[in-house]
Amino acid sequence: MISRSLNLTPLLSFRVSLTRKSRKAYRAISDYIKPICLPTEGNSLVHPGDKTILAGWGQNTAGESAATKNVVVRRVITNEECQQLFPKQDITIHDNLLCTQTLKDYKDCTFTGDGGAPLMLKSGDTWYQEGILSFGAPACRTDFPDGNIRVSKYIQWINEKLIEN
């Protein structure tokens, strides 16, 4: 495993990791398991208001592990809007973060243990991994955003590590 850590503030740090899979892993590709495309360097396809999909195996609000993968629809918000939702926390929303929030009238939320889950966007017939879940709403608060690592900011690093290894 290859990883890179980044500490943004005393309360906010994260790690981006790459794992090389053996050729046998590709035998598991099916209608439910597929490779996903990455955005180009510095060129995110998501825009404020876009609907994205977050998928993970975290625990629900009762602390129970998911029996099936959770799929949550999230709306992209601007980093400025996201920052305004953190007035009392020592968190600065940098441009390498991508914030999403629950859609109006939805009760979906990310769950404990979903950290590292992919934030995905479909463009045409192609799915892209635009983010990696870093932090989410406590106790499924729908007025609180999720923070995702913006994958397009790490494409150069990913490419360098793929060439090295």
Protein backbone atom coordinates (compact mmCIF):
# COMPACT_ATOMS: atom_id res chain seq x y z
CA MET A 1 0.00 0.00 0.00
CA ILE A 2 1.20 3.48 -0.87
CA SER A 3 -0.19 6.41 1.11
CA ARG A 4 0.08 10.15 1.56
CA SER A 5 -1.08 12.09 4.61
CA LEU A 6 -2.20 15.69 4.77
CA ASN A 7 -2.93 17.64 7.95
CA LEU A 8 -5.13 20.65 7.20
CA THR A 9 -5.92 21.80 10.75
CA PRO A 10 -5.55 20.32 14.24
CA LEU A 11 -8.97 18.67 13.79
CA LEU A 12 -8.84 17.73 10.11
CA SER A 13 -6.34 15.41 8.51
CA PHE A 14 -6.66 12.58 6.05
CA ARG A 15 -4.78 9.93 4.14
CA VAL A 16 -4.99 8.97 0.48
CA SER A 17 -3.90 5.39 -0.23
CA LEU A 18 -3.41 3.24 -3.30
CA THR A 19 -3.57 -0.54 -3.23
CA ARG A 20 -2.36 -2.68 -6.13
CA LYS A 21 -4.68 -5.61 -6.85
CA SER A 22 -3.59 -8.88 -8.39
CA ARG A 23 -4.90 -9.96 -11.77
CA LYS A 24 -7.20 -12.39 -9.93
CA ALA A 25 -9.15 -9.43 -8.56
CA TYR A 26 -10.33 -8.62 -12.08
CA ARG A 27 -12.14 -11.96 -12.23
CA ALA A 28 -14.63 -10.54 -9.71
CA ILE A 29 -15.84 -7.87 -12.14
CA SER A 30 -19.60 -8.17 -12.57
CA ASP A 31 -22.70 -6.00 -12.90
CA TYR A 32 -22.07 -4.92 -9.30
CA ILE A 33 -18.27 -4.75 -9.21
CA LYS A 34 -16.61 -2.63 -11.89
CA PRO A 35 -13.56 -0.43 -12.32
CA ILE A 36 -14.23 3.29 -12.11
CA CYS A 37 -12.61 6.16 -14.00
CA LEU A 38 -10.68 8.96 -12.33
CA PRO A 39 -11.00 12.62 -13.30
CA THR A 40 -8.10 14.31 -15.04
CA GLU A 41 -5.58 16.29 -13.00
CA GLY A 42 -7.11 19.45 -11.57
CA ASN A 43 -10.26 18.96 -13.67
CA SER A 44 -13.15 17.85 -11.49
CA LEU A 45 -16.38 17.07 -13.36
CA VAL A 46 -18.64 17.94 -10.42
CA HIS A 47 -20.26 21.32 -9.93
CA PRO A 48 -22.40 22.77 -7.13
CA GLY A 49 -25.89 21.32 -7.34
CA ASP A 50 -24.81 18.08 -9.03
CA LYS A 51 -26.16 14.84 -7.59
CA THR A 52 -23.51 12.30 -6.63
CA ILE A 53 -23.59 8.79 -5.18
CA LEU A 54 -21.74 7.69 -2.05
CA ALA A 55 -21.52 3.97 -1.30
CA GLY A 56 -20.25 2.32 1.87
CA TRP A 57 -20.60 -0.48 4.42
CA GLY A 58 -20.73 1.64 7.59
CA GLN A 59 -22.91 1.25 10.67
CA ASN A 60 -26.38 2.74 10.91
CA THR A 61 -27.53 5.12 13.67
CA ALA A 62 -28.25 2.12 15.94
CA GLY A 63 -24.61 1.03 15.60
CA GLU A 64 -25.49 -2.02 13.51
CA SER A 65 -23.19 -3.06 10.68
CA ALA A 66 -24.71 -2.88 7.23
CA ALA A 67 -25.90 -6.21 5.81
CA THR A 68 -25.86 -4.66 2.34
CA LYS A 69 -23.93 -1.76 0.91
CA ASN A 70 -25.44 1.65 1.68
CA VAL A 71 -25.99 3.89 -1.33
CA VAL A 72 -26.64 7.56 -0.56
CA VAL A 73 -27.50 10.36 -2.99
CA ARG A 74 -25.69 13.61 -2.12
CA ARG A 75 -25.79 17.14 -3.57
CA VAL A 76 -22.52 18.98 -4.20
CA ILE A 77 -22.26 22.33 -2.41
CA THR A 78 -19.66 25.07 -2.76
CA ASN A 79 -16.71 25.11 -0.39
CA GLU A 80 -17.85 28.55 0.77
CA GLU A 81 -21.29 27.18 1.67
CA CYS A 82 -19.63 24.23 3.38
CA GLN A 83 -17.33 26.52 5.40
CA GLN A 84 -20.33 28.50 6.66
CA LEU A 85 -21.74 25.29 8.15
CA PHE A 86 -18.64 24.93 10.37
CA PRO A 87 -18.69 28.23 12.32
CA LYS A 88 -17.68 26.77 15.70
CA GLN A 89 -15.32 24.00 14.57
CA ASP A 90 -11.64 24.52 13.89
CA ILE A 91 -12.05 23.30 10.30
CA THR A 92 -11.01 25.13 7.17
CA ILE A 93 -12.49 23.85 3.93
CA HIS A 94 -9.59 23.87 1.46
CA ASP A 95 -9.86 23.49 -2.32
CA ASN A 96 -8.70 19.87 -2.04
CA LEU A 97 -12.00 19.05 -0.33
CA LEU A 98 -15.36 18.52 -2.02
CA CYS A 99 -18.45 18.97 0.14
CA THR A 100 -21.81 17.28 -0.30
CA GLN A 101 -25.06 17.47 1.58
CA THR A 102 -28.31 15.53 1.88
CA LEU A 103 -30.86 16.34 -0.80
CA LYS A 104 -33.94 18.26 0.33
CA ASP A 105 -36.64 15.89 1.65
CA TYR A 106 -34.19 12.95 1.78
CA LYS A 107 -33.20 11.32 5.03
CA ASP A 108 -30.12 9.55 3.63
CA CYS A 109 -26.83 10.05 5.39
CA THR A 110 -23.38 8.59 5.59
CA PHE A 111 -22.72 6.16 8.40
CA THR A 112 -20.01 5.51 10.95
CA GLY A 113 -17.31 3.50 9.22
CA ASP A 114 -17.97 4.87 5.71
CA GLY A 115 -14.70 6.84 5.70
CA GLY A 116 -12.78 6.09 2.50
CA ALA A 117 -15.98 5.37 0.58
CA PRO A 118 -16.11 6.53 -3.05
CA LEU A 119 -18.08 9.63 -4.05
CA MET A 120 -19.16 8.94 -7.62
CA LEU A 121 -20.60 10.96 -10.49
CA LYS A 122 -22.05 9.63 -13.72
CA SER A 123 -21.18 11.66 -16.80
CA GLY A 124 -22.77 10.27 -19.95
CA ASP A 125 -22.35 6.49 -19.67
CA THR A 126 -19.18 6.72 -17.58
CA TRP A 127 -18.83 6.71 -13.79
CA TYR A 128 -16.05 8.79 -12.18
CA GLN A 129 -14.71 8.72 -8.64
CA GLU A 130 -14.67 12.40 -7.78
CA GLY A 131 -14.17 12.07 -4.04
CA ILE A 132 -13.15 9.89 -1.11
CA LEU A 133 -15.27 10.36 2.02
CA SER A 134 -13.19 11.93 4.77
CA PHE A 135 -15.78 13.09 7.33
CA GLY A 136 -19.54 13.00 7.58
CA ALA A 137 -22.48 14.33 9.51
CA PRO A 138 -22.60 13.26 13.16
CA ALA A 139 -25.63 11.10 13.97
CA CYS A 140 -27.08 11.51 10.47
CA ARG A 141 -27.72 15.24 10.82
CA THR A 142 -29.10 16.24 7.45
CA ASP A 143 -28.08 19.90 7.89
CA PHE A 144 -24.41 18.96 8.18
CA PRO A 145 -22.22 18.35 5.10
CA ASP A 146 -19.84 15.54 4.26
CA GLY A 147 -16.25 16.38 3.37
CA ASN A 148 -14.61 14.36 0.61
CA ILE A 149 -11.05 14.38 -0.62
CA ARG A 150 -11.17 15.87 -4.13
CA VAL A 151 -9.58 13.12 -6.26
CA SER A 152 -8.68 15.48 -9.14
CA LYS A 153 -6.17 17.20 -6.80
CA TYR A 154 -4.23 13.91 -6.39
CA ILE A 155 -4.06 12.63 -9.98
CA GLN A 156 -0.42 13.70 -10.45
CA TRP A 157 0.57 11.89 -7.23
CA ILE A 158 -1.46 8.79 -8.26
CA ASN A 159 0.22 8.72 -11.68
CA GLU A 160 3.70 9.13 -10.15
CA LYS A 161 3.09 6.23 -7.75
CA LEU A 162 1.73 3.99 -10.52
CA ILE A 163 4.87 4.61 -12.60
CA GLU A 164 7.20 4.03 -9.62
CA ASN A 165 5.56 0.77 -8.62
